Amino acid sequence: MKHLLSLSIVLFVCVGSIIAQEKTAAEFKNEGNDALRNKDYKSALELYEKALANWGDEEPVDDAMIYNMATCARRIENYDKAIKYYTMCEEKGFRGDIASYYIAYSYKKQDKEEDMEKVLVKAIDKYKTSKYLGHMKKMLVTYYLKKGAEPFNEASQILASAQNADPSQYDEIKKRANESFAKAKPWFEKVLKYDPNNSSAKESLKEVESRLNE
């Protein structure tokens, strides 16, 4: 009898612990929601992370909470965590389009533009009907314009140096300028792939092709 009583107490304690754990996760989440409403993003993230750590295996993780965690991390400029939690959202299919946009945004803020480009190219192809598609394309096009402008401006500076150079050096100067123009060309072509009416890319590409065909 004493053994059965002890066993009952153990079972009761175990069940009670599980219930307490679920309550704790729920309480942390609710407190996180309150902090988020008050725009206390740092506290909200900490509370949500405690909720996640105490989340029971028997219940699926709240996707909206994960998205809120990503948003809080982005707001406090913790871009590693923002990428982590937005990636979880994208993989779970919860607001995958805007999650992808903010993953790219976070990489951009970290100066990881190649990673940003990969995310955007994939997202633009995957979420063709998204209302955020224009924002994705704008971020990608801005990056391509910047990358094209670097060798384009370099080529222009090289050509400008010909004004004070000996005529015998002109061919070499032109060759070096064309090498830079050639590097710029694919970037402007990429711009026009995603923004066919981009006047800056059109004009720059026209100039590049004119120089290369001389």
N, C-alpha and C. Protein backbone atom coordinates (compact mmCIF):
# COMPACT_ATOMS: atom_id res chain seq x y z
N MET A 1 0.83 -1.20 0.00
CA MET A 1 0.00 0.00 0.00
C MET A 1 0.87 1.26 0.00
N LYS A 2 1.89 1.23 0.87
CA LYS A 2 2.80 2.37 0.95
C LYS A 2 3.51 2.58 -0.38
N HIS A 3 3.86 1.43 -1.05
CA HIS A 3 4.53 1.51 -2.35
C HIS A 3 3.62 2.13 -3.40
N LEU A 4 2.34 1.71 -3.38
CA LEU A 4 1.38 2.25 -4.34
C LEU A 4 1.15 3.73 -4.10
N LEU A 5 1.12 4.11 -2.82
CA LEU A 5 0.94 5.52 -2.48
C LEU A 5 2.11 6.36 -2.98
N SER A 6 3.32 5.83 -2.80
CA SER A 6 4.52 6.52 -3.28
C SER A 6 4.50 6.67 -4.79
N LEU A 7 4.08 5.59 -5.47
CA LEU A 7 4.01 5.61 -6.93
C LEU A 7 3.00 6.65 -7.40
N SER A 8 1.87 6.72 -6.69
CA SER A 8 0.84 7.70 -7.06
C SER A 8 1.37 9.12 -6.91
N ILE A 9 2.13 9.33 -5.83
CA ILE A 9 2.70 10.67 -5.60
C ILE A 9 3.68 11.03 -6.70
N VAL A 10 4.52 10.06 -7.11
CA VAL A 10 5.48 10.29 -8.18
C VAL A 10 4.77 10.63 -9.48
N LEU A 11 3.72 9.85 -9.80
CA LEU A 11 2.97 10.10 -11.03
C LEU A 11 2.30 11.47 -10.98
N PHE A 12 1.76 11.80 -9.82
CA PHE A 12 1.11 13.10 -9.66
C PHE A 12 2.10 14.25 -9.85
N VAL A 13 3.29 14.08 -9.28
CA VAL A 13 4.33 15.10 -9.41
C VAL A 13 4.74 15.24 -10.86
N CYS A 14 4.90 14.11 -11.57
CA CYS A 14 5.32 14.15 -12.98
C CYS A 14 4.28 14.86 -13.83
N VAL A 15 3.01 14.48 -13.64
CA VAL A 15 1.94 15.11 -14.41
C VAL A 15 1.86 16.60 -14.07
N GLY A 16 2.01 16.90 -12.78
CA GLY A 16 1.99 18.30 -12.36
C GLY A 16 3.10 19.09 -12.97
N SER A 17 4.27 18.48 -13.12
CA SER A 17 5.42 19.16 -13.72
C SER A 17 5.17 19.48 -15.17
N ILE A 18 4.53 18.53 -15.88
CA ILE A 18 4.24 18.76 -17.29
C ILE A 18 3.27 19.92 -17.45
N ILE A 19 2.22 19.92 -16.61
CA ILE A 19 1.23 21.00 -16.68
C ILE A 19 1.88 22.34 -16.37
N ALA A 20 2.74 22.32 -15.33
CA ALA A 20 3.44 23.55 -14.95
C ALA A 20 4.33 24.04 -16.07
N GLN A 21 4.97 23.07 -16.74
CA GLN A 21 5.86 23.44 -17.84
C GLN A 21 5.07 24.09 -18.97
N GLU A 22 3.90 23.51 -19.31
CA GLU A 22 3.06 24.09 -20.36
C GLU A 22 2.59 25.49 -19.95
N LYS A 23 2.20 25.63 -18.70
CA LYS A 23 1.76 26.94 -18.21
C LYS A 23 2.90 27.95 -18.29
N THR A 24 4.08 27.50 -17.93
CA THR A 24 5.23 28.40 -17.96
C THR A 24 5.50 28.90 -19.37
N ALA A 25 5.44 27.99 -20.34
CA ALA A 25 5.65 28.38 -21.73
C ALA A 25 4.58 29.37 -22.18
N ALA A 26 3.33 29.07 -21.81
CA ALA A 26 2.23 29.95 -22.19
C ALA A 26 2.36 31.31 -21.51
N GLU A 27 2.75 31.29 -20.25
CA GLU A 27 2.92 32.55 -19.52
C GLU A 27 4.03 33.40 -20.12
N PHE A 28 5.14 32.75 -20.44
CA PHE A 28 6.25 33.48 -21.06
C PHE A 28 5.80 34.08 -22.39
N LYS A 29 5.06 33.31 -23.16
CA LYS A 29 4.59 33.80 -24.46
C LYS A 29 3.66 35.01 -24.28
N ASN A 30 2.73 34.91 -23.34
CA ASN A 30 1.81 36.02 -23.10
C ASN A 30 2.54 37.26 -22.60
N GLU A 31 3.52 37.05 -21.75
CA GLU A 31 4.32 38.19 -21.28
C GLU A 31 5.12 38.79 -22.43
N GLY A 32 5.58 37.92 -23.32
CA GLY A 32 6.28 38.40 -24.51
C GLY A 32 5.37 39.22 -25.40
N ASN A 33 4.11 38.77 -25.54
CA ASN A 33 3.14 39.52 -26.32
C ASN A 33 2.90 40.91 -25.72
N ASP A 34 2.82 40.96 -24.39
CA ASP A 34 2.62 42.25 -23.72
C ASP A 34 3.82 43.18 -23.97
N ALA A 35 5.02 42.62 -23.86
CA ALA A 35 6.22 43.42 -24.10
C ALA A 35 6.28 43.92 -25.54
N LEU A 36 5.87 43.06 -26.46
CA LEU A 36 5.86 43.45 -27.88
C LEU A 36 4.87 44.58 -28.12
N ARG A 37 3.70 44.49 -27.51
CA ARG A 37 2.71 45.56 -27.65
C ARG A 37 3.25 46.89 -27.11
N ASN A 38 4.09 46.79 -26.11
CA ASN A 38 4.71 47.99 -25.54
C ASN A 38 6.00 48.39 -26.26
N LYS A 39 6.30 47.69 -27.34
CA LYS A 39 7.49 47.95 -28.16
C LYS A 39 8.80 47.77 -27.39
N ASP A 40 8.75 46.91 -26.38
CA ASP A 40 9.96 46.55 -25.64
C ASP A 40 10.50 45.28 -26.29
N TYR A 41 11.15 45.46 -27.43
CA TYR A 41 11.52 44.32 -28.27
C TYR A 41 12.56 43.41 -27.62
N LYS A 42 13.47 43.98 -26.88
CA LYS A 42 14.51 43.19 -26.23
C LYS A 42 13.89 42.24 -25.20
N SER A 43 13.03 42.78 -24.35
CA SER A 43 12.37 41.95 -23.34
C SER A 43 11.45 40.93 -23.98
N ALA A 44 10.75 41.35 -25.02
CA ALA A 44 9.84 40.44 -25.71
C ALA A 44 10.60 39.24 -26.26
N LEU A 45 11.73 39.49 -26.89
CA LEU A 45 12.52 38.40 -27.45
C LEU A 45 13.00 37.46 -26.35
N GLU A 46 13.46 38.00 -25.26
CA GLU A 46 13.93 37.17 -24.14
C GLU A 46 12.81 36.30 -23.60
N LEU A 47 11.62 36.86 -23.48
CA LEU A 47 10.47 36.11 -22.97
C LEU A 47 10.03 35.04 -23.95
N TYR A 48 10.00 35.38 -25.22
CA TYR A 48 9.64 34.39 -26.24
C TYR A 48 10.64 33.24 -26.26
N GLU A 49 11.91 33.55 -26.11
CA GLU A 49 12.93 32.50 -26.13
C GLU A 49 12.78 31.59 -24.91
N LYS A 50 12.37 32.14 -23.79
CA LYS A 50 12.10 31.30 -22.62
C LYS A 50 10.88 30.42 -22.87
N ALA A 51 9.89 30.98 -23.53
CA ALA A 51 8.71 30.18 -23.88
C ALA A 51 9.10 29.03 -24.79
N LEU A 52 9.93 29.32 -25.78
CA LEU A 52 10.36 28.29 -26.73
C LEU A 52 11.16 27.20 -26.02
N ALA A 53 12.01 27.60 -25.09
CA ALA A 53 12.84 26.64 -24.36
C ALA A 53 12.00 25.71 -23.49
N ASN A 54 10.83 26.19 -23.06
CA ASN A 54 9.96 25.40 -22.19
C ASN A 54 8.78 24.77 -22.93
N TRP A 55 8.81 24.89 -24.24
CA TRP A 55 7.68 24.39 -25.04
C TRP A 55 7.65 22.87 -24.99
N GLY A 56 6.48 22.32 -24.78
CA GLY A 56 6.34 20.87 -24.71
C GLY A 56 6.41 20.22 -26.09
N ASP A 57 6.93 19.00 -26.13
CA ASP A 57 7.06 18.28 -27.40
C ASP A 57 5.70 17.86 -27.95
N GLU A 58 4.70 17.78 -27.08
CA GLU A 58 3.39 17.28 -27.51
C GLU A 58 2.58 18.32 -28.27
N GLU A 59 3.04 19.55 -28.29
CA GLU A 59 2.30 20.62 -28.96
C GLU A 59 3.19 21.34 -29.96
N PRO A 60 2.70 21.55 -31.20
CA PRO A 60 3.51 22.26 -32.20
C PRO A 60 3.87 23.67 -31.73
N VAL A 61 5.05 24.10 -32.07
CA VAL A 61 5.49 25.45 -31.71
C VAL A 61 4.61 26.47 -32.42
N ASP A 62 4.29 27.52 -31.73
CA ASP A 62 3.45 28.60 -32.26
C ASP A 62 4.22 29.36 -33.34
N ASP A 63 3.78 29.21 -34.59
CA ASP A 63 4.48 29.86 -35.70
C ASP A 63 4.47 31.38 -35.57
N ALA A 64 3.35 31.92 -35.11
CA ALA A 64 3.25 33.38 -34.96
C ALA A 64 4.25 33.89 -33.93
N MET A 65 4.49 33.10 -32.89
CA MET A 65 5.47 33.50 -31.89
C MET A 65 6.87 33.53 -32.48
N ILE A 66 7.19 32.53 -33.31
CA ILE A 66 8.51 32.50 -33.95
C ILE A 66 8.68 33.73 -34.84
N TYR A 67 7.62 34.09 -35.56
CA TYR A 67 7.69 35.28 -36.41
C TYR A 67 7.90 36.53 -35.56
N ASN A 68 7.20 36.59 -34.43
CA ASN A 68 7.40 37.73 -33.52
C ASN A 68 8.82 37.78 -32.99
N MET A 69 9.40 36.62 -32.73
CA MET A 69 10.79 36.56 -32.26
C MET A 69 11.73 37.14 -33.31
N ALA A 70 11.48 36.77 -34.57
CA ALA A 70 12.30 37.29 -35.66
C ALA A 70 12.17 38.80 -35.77
N THR A 71 10.94 39.29 -35.64
CA THR A 71 10.70 40.72 -35.73
C THR A 71 11.40 41.47 -34.60
N CYS A 72 11.30 40.93 -33.40
CA CYS A 72 11.97 41.57 -32.24
C CYS A 72 13.48 41.61 -32.45
N ALA A 73 14.03 40.50 -32.92
CA ALA A 73 15.48 40.44 -33.16
C ALA A 73 15.90 41.48 -34.20
N ARG A 74 15.09 41.62 -35.24
CA ARG A 74 15.40 42.62 -36.27
C ARG A 74 15.32 44.03 -35.70
N ARG A 75 14.32 44.27 -34.88
CA ARG A 75 14.13 45.60 -34.30
C ARG A 75 15.29 46.02 -33.40
N ILE A 76 15.89 45.05 -32.72
CA ILE A 76 17.03 45.39 -31.85
C ILE A 76 18.36 45.18 -32.57
N GLU A 77 18.27 44.94 -33.89
CA GLU A 77 19.43 44.81 -34.76
C GLU A 77 20.32 43.61 -34.40
N ASN A 78 19.68 42.57 -33.89
CA ASN A 78 20.38 41.30 -33.69
C ASN A 78 20.10 40.46 -34.93
N TYR A 79 20.87 40.71 -35.97
CA TYR A 79 20.54 40.15 -37.27
C TYR A 79 20.81 38.65 -37.37
N ASP A 80 21.73 38.13 -36.58
CA ASP A 80 21.94 36.68 -36.57
C ASP A 80 20.68 35.96 -36.11
N LYS A 81 20.09 36.46 -35.03
CA LYS A 81 18.86 35.84 -34.53
C LYS A 81 17.69 36.11 -35.47
N ALA A 82 17.66 37.28 -36.07
CA ALA A 82 16.59 37.58 -37.03
C ALA A 82 16.62 36.58 -38.17
N ILE A 83 17.80 36.33 -38.70
CA ILE A 83 17.95 35.35 -39.78
C ILE A 83 17.52 33.97 -39.32
N LYS A 84 17.94 33.59 -38.12
CA LYS A 84 17.60 32.27 -37.56
C LYS A 84 16.09 32.07 -37.49
N TYR A 85 15.39 33.04 -36.93
CA TYR A 85 13.95 32.86 -36.71
C TYR A 85 13.13 33.10 -37.97
N TYR A 86 13.55 34.03 -38.82
CA TYR A 86 12.85 34.19 -40.10
C TYR A 86 13.04 32.94 -40.97
N THR A 87 14.21 32.33 -40.89
CA THR A 87 14.46 31.10 -41.64
C THR A 87 13.54 29.99 -41.14
N MET A 88 13.34 29.91 -39.84
CA MET A 88 12.41 28.92 -39.29
C MET A 88 11.01 29.14 -39.84
N CYS A 89 10.60 30.40 -39.93
CA CYS A 89 9.27 30.72 -40.49
C CYS A 89 9.17 30.30 -41.95
N GLU A 90 10.20 30.63 -42.71
CA GLU A 90 10.19 30.30 -44.15
C GLU A 90 10.14 28.80 -44.35
N GLU A 91 10.91 28.06 -43.57
CA GLU A 91 10.95 26.60 -43.70
C GLU A 91 9.63 25.96 -43.29
N LYS A 92 8.93 26.59 -42.34
CA LYS A 92 7.64 26.07 -41.89
C LYS A 92 6.48 26.56 -42.75
N GLY A 93 6.79 27.43 -43.72
CA GLY A 93 5.75 27.93 -44.60
C GLY A 93 4.86 28.98 -43.96
N PHE A 94 5.37 29.65 -42.93
CA PHE A 94 4.59 30.70 -42.27
C PHE A 94 5.09 32.06 -42.73
N ARG A 95 4.29 32.74 -43.53
CA ARG A 95 4.65 34.05 -44.08
C ARG A 95 6.04 34.00 -44.73
N GLY A 96 6.21 32.98 -45.54
CA GLY A 96 7.52 32.72 -46.14
C GLY A 96 8.04 33.84 -47.02
N ASP A 97 7.14 34.57 -47.68
CA ASP A 97 7.59 35.63 -48.58
C ASP A 97 8.21 36.80 -47.82
N ILE A 98 7.49 37.31 -46.83
CA ILE A 98 8.03 38.44 -46.06
C ILE A 98 9.20 37.99 -45.19
N ALA A 99 9.16 36.73 -44.73
CA ALA A 99 10.29 36.20 -43.96
C ALA A 99 11.54 36.19 -44.83
N SER A 100 11.41 35.77 -46.08
CA SER A 100 12.55 35.75 -47.00
C SER A 100 13.08 37.16 -47.24
N TYR A 101 12.17 38.11 -47.39
CA TYR A 101 12.58 39.50 -47.60
C TYR A 101 13.42 39.99 -46.42
N TYR A 102 12.98 39.68 -45.22
CA TYR A 102 13.71 40.16 -44.04
C TYR A 102 14.99 39.36 -43.78
N ILE A 103 15.05 38.13 -44.25
CA ILE A 103 16.32 37.40 -44.20
C ILE A 103 17.34 38.14 -45.07
N ALA A 104 16.90 38.49 -46.28
CA ALA A 104 17.78 39.24 -47.20
C ALA A 104 18.15 40.59 -46.60
N TYR A 105 17.17 41.26 -46.03
CA TYR A 105 17.42 42.57 -45.38
C TYR A 105 18.47 42.44 -44.28
N SER A 106 18.36 41.39 -43.49
CA SER A 106 19.31 41.18 -42.38
C SER A 106 20.71 40.92 -42.90
N TYR A 107 20.81 40.14 -43.98
CA TYR A 107 22.13 39.92 -44.59
C TYR A 107 22.70 41.23 -45.12
N LYS A 108 21.83 42.05 -45.69
CA LYS A 108 22.27 43.35 -46.20
C LYS A 108 22.84 44.21 -45.08
N LYS A 109 22.16 44.22 -43.94
CA LYS A 109 22.63 45.02 -42.80
C LYS A 109 23.95 44.50 -42.25
N GLN A 110 24.25 43.24 -42.51
CA GLN A 110 25.52 42.65 -42.08
C GLN A 110 26.60 42.76 -43.16
N ASP A 111 26.27 43.45 -44.26
CA ASP A 111 27.19 43.58 -45.40
C ASP A 111 27.51 42.23 -46.03
N LYS A 112 26.57 41.30 -45.95
CA LYS A 112 26.72 39.99 -46.59
C LYS A 112 25.84 39.98 -47.84
N GLU A 113 26.27 40.78 -48.83
CA GLU A 113 25.41 41.02 -49.98
C GLU A 113 25.28 39.81 -50.90
N GLU A 114 26.28 38.95 -50.95
CA GLU A 114 26.17 37.75 -51.77
C GLU A 114 25.11 36.81 -51.20
N ASP A 115 25.06 36.71 -49.88
CA ASP A 115 24.01 35.90 -49.24
C ASP A 115 22.65 36.54 -49.47
N MET A 116 22.60 37.86 -49.37
CA MET A 116 21.36 38.59 -49.65
C MET A 116 20.85 38.28 -51.05
N GLU A 117 21.77 38.33 -52.02
CA GLU A 117 21.40 38.08 -53.42
C GLU A 117 20.82 36.68 -53.58
N LYS A 118 21.46 35.68 -53.00
CA LYS A 118 20.98 34.29 -53.12
C LYS A 118 19.56 34.14 -52.58
N VAL A 119 19.32 34.75 -51.43
CA VAL A 119 17.99 34.66 -50.82
C VAL A 119 16.95 35.33 -51.70
N LEU A 120 17.27 36.50 -52.23
CA LEU A 120 16.32 37.25 -53.04
C LEU A 120 16.02 36.55 -54.36
N VAL A 121 17.04 36.05 -55.03
CA VAL A 121 16.84 35.36 -56.31
C VAL A 121 15.91 34.16 -56.11
N LYS A 122 16.15 33.41 -55.05
CA LYS A 122 15.32 32.24 -54.75
C LYS A 122 13.89 32.65 -54.40
N ALA A 123 13.76 33.69 -53.57
CA ALA A 123 12.44 34.13 -53.13
C ALA A 123 11.62 34.71 -54.28
N ILE A 124 12.26 35.47 -55.15
CA ILE A 124 11.56 36.07 -56.29
C ILE A 124 11.00 34.98 -57.19
N ASP A 125 11.74 33.91 -57.35
CA ASP A 125 11.27 32.79 -58.17
C ASP A 125 10.17 32.00 -57.46
N LYS A 126 10.29 31.87 -56.16
CA LYS A 126 9.35 31.04 -55.38
C LYS A 126 8.03 31.75 -55.11
N TYR A 127 8.09 33.05 -54.86
CA TYR A 127 6.90 33.80 -54.46
C TYR A 127 6.50 34.80 -55.53
N LYS A 128 6.19 34.29 -56.71
CA LYS A 128 5.92 35.15 -57.87
C LYS A 128 4.68 36.03 -57.70
N THR A 129 3.74 35.59 -56.88
CA THR A 129 2.50 36.35 -56.72
C THR A 129 2.46 37.13 -55.40
N SER A 130 3.57 37.18 -54.70
CA SER A 130 3.61 37.85 -53.40
C SER A 130 3.44 39.36 -53.55
N LYS A 131 2.75 39.95 -52.60
CA LYS A 131 2.62 41.41 -52.60
C LYS A 131 3.93 42.09 -52.23
N TYR A 132 4.88 41.29 -51.75
CA TYR A 132 6.20 41.83 -51.40
C TYR A 132 7.21 41.66 -52.54
N LEU A 133 6.76 41.14 -53.67
CA LEU A 133 7.66 40.87 -54.79
C LEU A 133 8.38 42.14 -55.25
N GLY A 134 7.66 43.24 -55.32
CA GLY A 134 8.27 44.50 -55.74
C GLY A 134 9.38 44.95 -54.81
N HIS A 135 9.18 44.74 -53.52
CA HIS A 135 10.21 45.12 -52.54
C HIS A 135 11.45 44.24 -52.70
N MET A 136 11.22 42.95 -52.96
CA MET A 136 12.35 42.04 -53.17
C MET A 136 13.16 42.45 -54.40
N LYS A 137 12.45 42.73 -55.48
CA LYS A 137 13.13 43.12 -56.72
C LYS A 137 13.88 44.43 -56.56
N LYS A 138 13.28 45.36 -55.84
CA LYS A 138 13.93 46.66 -55.64
C LYS A 138 15.25 46.50 -54.89
N MET A 139 15.25 45.65 -53.86
CA MET A 139 16.48 45.43 -53.10
C MET A 139 17.55 44.78 -53.97
N LEU A 140 17.12 43.82 -54.79
CA LEU A 140 18.07 43.11 -55.65
C LEU A 140 18.61 44.03 -56.74
N VAL A 141 17.72 44.79 -57.36
CA VAL A 141 18.12 45.71 -58.43
C VAL A 141 19.08 46.79 -57.91
N THR A 142 18.81 47.30 -56.73
CA THR A 142 19.69 48.30 -56.13
C THR A 142 21.10 47.74 -55.95
N TYR A 143 21.17 46.49 -55.52
CA TYR A 143 22.46 45.81 -55.35
C TYR A 143 23.17 45.67 -56.70
N TYR A 144 22.44 45.23 -57.72
CA TYR A 144 23.04 45.04 -59.04
C TYR A 144 23.52 46.36 -59.64
N LEU A 145 22.74 47.42 -59.46
CA LEU A 145 23.16 48.73 -59.96
C LEU A 145 24.45 49.19 -59.29
N LYS A 146 24.53 48.96 -58.00
CA LYS A 146 25.74 49.35 -57.27
C LYS A 146 26.95 48.56 -57.76
N LYS A 147 26.76 47.27 -57.96
CA LYS A 147 27.87 46.41 -58.42
C LYS A 147 28.29 46.78 -59.84
N GLY A 148 27.33 47.17 -60.67
CA GLY A 148 27.67 47.57 -62.03
C GLY A 148 28.34 48.93 -62.07
N ALA A 149 27.93 49.81 -61.18
CA ALA A 149 28.48 51.17 -61.16
C ALA A 149 29.96 51.19 -60.79
N GLU A 150 30.38 50.24 -59.98
CA GLU A 150 31.78 50.23 -59.53
C GLU A 150 32.76 50.10 -60.72
N PRO A 151 32.67 49.05 -61.55
CA PRO A 151 33.59 48.97 -62.69
C PRO A 151 33.28 50.00 -63.77
N PHE A 152 31.99 50.39 -63.89
CA PHE A 152 31.62 51.40 -64.89
C PHE A 152 32.31 52.73 -64.57
N ASN A 153 32.25 53.14 -63.34
CA ASN A 153 32.89 54.40 -62.93
C ASN A 153 34.41 54.30 -63.04
N GLU A 154 34.92 53.13 -62.73
CA GLU A 154 36.36 52.91 -62.86
C GLU A 154 36.79 53.07 -64.32
N ALA A 155 36.00 52.52 -65.23
CA ALA A 155 36.30 52.63 -66.66
C ALA A 155 36.26 54.09 -67.12
N SER A 156 35.27 54.81 -66.62
CA SER A 156 35.15 56.23 -66.98
C SER A 156 36.35 57.03 -66.50
N GLN A 157 36.83 56.72 -65.31
CA GLN A 157 38.01 57.41 -64.78
C GLN A 157 39.27 57.07 -65.58
N ILE A 158 39.36 55.83 -66.01
CA ILE A 158 40.51 55.42 -66.83
C ILE A 158 40.51 56.19 -68.15
N LEU A 159 39.33 56.30 -68.77
CA LEU A 159 39.23 57.04 -70.03
C LEU A 159 39.55 58.52 -69.82
N ALA A 160 39.12 59.06 -68.70
CA ALA A 160 39.39 60.48 -68.42
C ALA A 160 40.88 60.75 -68.31
N SER A 161 41.62 59.75 -67.87
CA SER A 161 43.08 59.92 -67.73
C SER A 161 43.76 60.06 -69.09
N ALA A 162 43.07 59.67 -70.16
CA ALA A 162 43.66 59.75 -71.50
C ALA A 162 43.85 61.19 -71.95
N GLN A 163 43.10 62.11 -71.37
CA GLN A 163 43.20 63.51 -71.76
C GLN A 163 44.59 64.08 -71.51
N ASN A 164 45.23 63.61 -70.47
CA ASN A 164 46.56 64.12 -70.12
C ASN A 164 47.67 63.12 -70.44
N ALA A 165 47.30 62.06 -71.14
CA ALA A 165 48.29 61.01 -71.43
C ALA A 165 48.93 61.24 -72.79
N ASP A 166 50.04 60.61 -72.98
CA ASP A 166 50.71 60.63 -74.29
C ASP A 166 49.86 59.83 -75.27
N PRO A 167 49.70 60.32 -76.51
CA PRO A 167 48.90 59.59 -77.50
C PRO A 167 49.31 58.13 -77.67
N SER A 168 50.57 57.84 -77.45
CA SER A 168 51.03 56.47 -77.60
C SER A 168 50.45 55.54 -76.53
N GLN A 169 49.92 56.12 -75.48
CA GLN A 169 49.36 55.33 -74.38
C GLN A 169 47.86 55.09 -74.53
N TYR A 170 47.27 55.72 -75.54
CA TYR A 170 45.81 55.66 -75.65
C TYR A 170 45.28 54.24 -75.81
N ASP A 171 45.91 53.45 -76.65
CA ASP A 171 45.43 52.08 -76.87
C ASP A 171 45.43 51.27 -75.58
N GLU A 172 46.47 51.44 -74.79
CA GLU A 172 46.56 50.72 -73.52
C GLU A 172 45.48 51.22 -72.55
N ILE A 173 45.27 52.52 -72.55
CA ILE A 173 44.23 53.10 -71.68
C ILE A 173 42.85 52.59 -72.09
N LYS A 174 42.60 52.56 -73.38
CA LYS A 174 41.32 52.08 -73.89
C LYS A 174 41.11 50.61 -73.53
N LYS A 175 42.17 49.83 -73.62
CA LYS A 175 42.09 48.41 -73.29
C LYS A 175 41.70 48.21 -71.83
N ARG A 176 42.34 48.96 -70.94
CA ARG A 176 42.05 48.85 -69.51
C ARG A 176 40.62 49.31 -69.20
N ALA A 177 40.21 50.37 -69.88
CA ALA A 177 38.84 50.86 -69.68
C ALA A 177 37.82 49.82 -70.14
N ASN A 178 38.08 49.20 -71.27
CA ASN A 178 37.15 48.19 -71.79
C ASN A 178 37.07 46.96 -70.90
N GLU A 179 38.16 46.65 -70.24
CA GLU A 179 38.13 45.52 -69.30
C GLU A 179 37.17 45.82 -68.15
N SER A 180 37.18 47.06 -67.71
CA SER A 180 36.25 47.45 -66.64
C SER A 180 34.82 47.54 -67.15
N PHE A 181 34.65 48.05 -68.38
CA PHE A 181 33.31 48.09 -68.96
C PHE A 181 32.73 46.68 -69.09
N ALA A 182 33.57 45.74 -69.48
CA ALA A 182 33.13 44.35 -69.63
C ALA A 182 32.69 43.76 -68.30
N LYS A 183 33.35 44.16 -67.23
CA LYS A 183 32.95 43.69 -65.89
C LYS A 183 31.61 44.28 -65.47
N ALA A 184 31.33 45.49 -65.92
CA ALA A 184 30.07 46.15 -65.56
C ALA A 184 28.88 45.57 -66.31
N LYS A 185 29.10 45.12 -67.52
CA LYS A 185 28.00 44.70 -68.40
C LYS A 185 27.05 43.68 -67.78
N PRO A 186 27.52 42.56 -67.23
CA PRO A 186 26.58 41.56 -66.70
C PRO A 186 25.72 42.07 -65.55
N TRP A 187 26.23 43.02 -64.80
CA TRP A 187 25.44 43.56 -63.69
C TRP A 187 24.26 44.36 -64.20
N PHE A 188 24.47 45.16 -65.24
CA PHE A 188 23.37 45.93 -65.81
C PHE A 188 22.37 45.01 -66.52
N GLU A 189 22.86 43.94 -67.09
CA GLU A 189 21.96 42.95 -67.70
C GLU A 189 21.08 42.29 -66.64
N LYS A 190 21.65 42.04 -65.48
CA LYS A 190 20.87 41.46 -64.38
C LYS A 190 19.79 42.43 -63.91
N VAL A 191 20.13 43.71 -63.87
CA VAL A 191 19.13 44.71 -63.49
C VAL A 191 17.93 44.62 -64.41
N LEU A 192 18.19 44.58 -65.71
CA LEU A 192 17.11 44.58 -66.70
C LEU A 192 16.31 43.28 -66.69
N LYS A 193 16.89 42.22 -66.18
CA LYS A 193 16.15 40.96 -66.04
C LYS A 193 15.01 41.13 -65.04
N TYR A 194 15.26 41.86 -63.98
CA TYR A 194 14.25 42.04 -62.93
C TYR A 194 13.50 43.36 -63.03
N ASP A 195 14.08 44.31 -63.76
CA ASP A 195 13.44 45.62 -63.95
C ASP A 195 13.71 46.09 -65.37
N PRO A 196 12.96 45.54 -66.34
CA PRO A 196 13.22 45.80 -67.77
C PRO A 196 13.18 47.27 -68.17
N ASN A 197 12.50 48.09 -67.41
CA ASN A 197 12.36 49.50 -67.77
C ASN A 197 13.29 50.42 -66.98
N ASN A 198 14.28 49.84 -66.32
CA ASN A 198 15.19 50.65 -65.52
C ASN A 198 16.05 51.52 -66.43
N SER A 199 15.80 52.83 -66.40
CA SER A 199 16.47 53.74 -67.33
C SER A 199 17.96 53.84 -67.06
N SER A 200 18.35 53.81 -65.81
CA SER A 200 19.78 53.91 -65.47
C SER A 200 20.56 52.73 -66.04
N ALA A 201 20.01 51.53 -65.89
CA ALA A 201 20.68 50.34 -66.41
C ALA A 201 20.70 50.36 -67.94
N LYS A 202 19.60 50.80 -68.54
CA LYS A 202 19.54 50.88 -70.01
C LYS A 202 20.61 51.81 -70.57
N GLU A 203 20.70 52.99 -69.99
CA GLU A 203 21.67 53.97 -70.47
C GLU A 203 23.10 53.50 -70.25
N SER A 204 23.35 52.91 -69.09
CA SER A 204 24.70 52.44 -68.78
C SER A 204 25.09 51.29 -69.69
N LEU A 205 24.14 50.37 -69.93
CA LEU A 205 24.43 49.23 -70.80
C LEU A 205 24.66 49.69 -72.24
N LYS A 206 23.90 50.68 -72.67
CA LYS A 206 24.10 51.23 -74.01
C LYS A 206 25.49 51.82 -74.16
N GLU A 207 25.94 52.55 -73.14
CA GLU A 207 27.28 53.14 -73.14
C GLU A 207 28.35 52.06 -73.15
N VAL A 208 28.15 51.03 -72.35
CA VAL A 208 29.11 49.92 -72.28
C VAL A 208 29.25 49.24 -73.63
N GLU A 209 28.12 48.91 -74.24
CA GLU A 209 28.16 48.21 -75.53
C GLU A 209 28.77 49.08 -76.61
N SER A 210 28.51 50.38 -76.54
CA SER A 210 29.10 51.30 -77.51
C SER A 210 30.62 51.31 -77.38
N ARG A 211 31.11 51.36 -76.15
CA ARG A 211 32.56 51.37 -75.91
C ARG A 211 33.21 50.06 -76.34
N LEU A 212 32.55 48.96 -76.04
CA LEU A 212 33.14 47.65 -76.35
C LEU A 212 33.13 47.35 -77.85
N ASN A 213 32.23 48.01 -78.58
CA ASN A 213 32.13 47.76 -80.02
C ASN A 213 32.93 48.75 -80.86
N GLU A 214 33.64 49.67 -80.22
CA GLU A 214 34.44 50.65 -80.97
C GLU A 214 35.62 49.97 -81.67
